[in-house]
Amino acid sequence: MQADWEIKSRSHHCSRTGKEFVEGDSFYTLLFRDGDAYRREDLSEESWLVRNDNIQPFSFWKSTYEPPPPPPPEALQKNDAEALLRHLIAQGDMRYDKTIYILALMLERKRQLRGIASEDAMTLVYEHPKTGETFIFRNPNLSLDQIPAVQKEVSDLLNHSLGGGPAATAEAASVSQEVAAEPATVEPTPP
């Protein structure tokens, strides 16, 4: 049996006829073993009734179709540190390493991210408890003399890019003061 599982989403149309499902339609999901892997088929009720009974699925169930939710808005439309963190990580620009670090600390403090212990001191790992996403980035090893400049950069980005206002500035300052009071390398809290 295959050790690595692949998560497959439900289809938005019948696997046999290609007809699109409409909200409220009943459909059947069938799982078949194909060698070491699994194959998923979603069938309309009509296709279910005329299927070949000689080919037995590994498992099957009946569901009611619900259309997928609308796509999430652009990351920078959200007025928060998480949106900015995601945006900066996606850019992959190393000049924002220190800013990313401070944003991650802000989100950890708000319990929106959880630090995960890492054996590699140069790598920081955070998990988003609600989504299960993992954020991995380089430890910038901030020195005390770098903190005021990073604090200003975080505040500016939150204020100008996202309209964060005075609260964002105060929070960035608060987190930066905590970093200044701690050792140069802040260890994530264990899960």
Foldseek 3Di string as FASTA:
>chain_A
DDPDADDDDDDQAFPPPRHGADAFFKWKWFWADDDPYIDIGIHGPVCVVVDDPVRHGPDMDMDGDDDDDDDDDQLLQDLDLVSVLVVVVVVVDPVCQLLNVLSQLLCVVVVQWAWAFDPDLQKTWIAGVVPRDIDIDGFPLDDLVCLVVSLVVQLCCSCPSRVNPPVSSVSSVVSSVVCNVDHSRDGTDHD
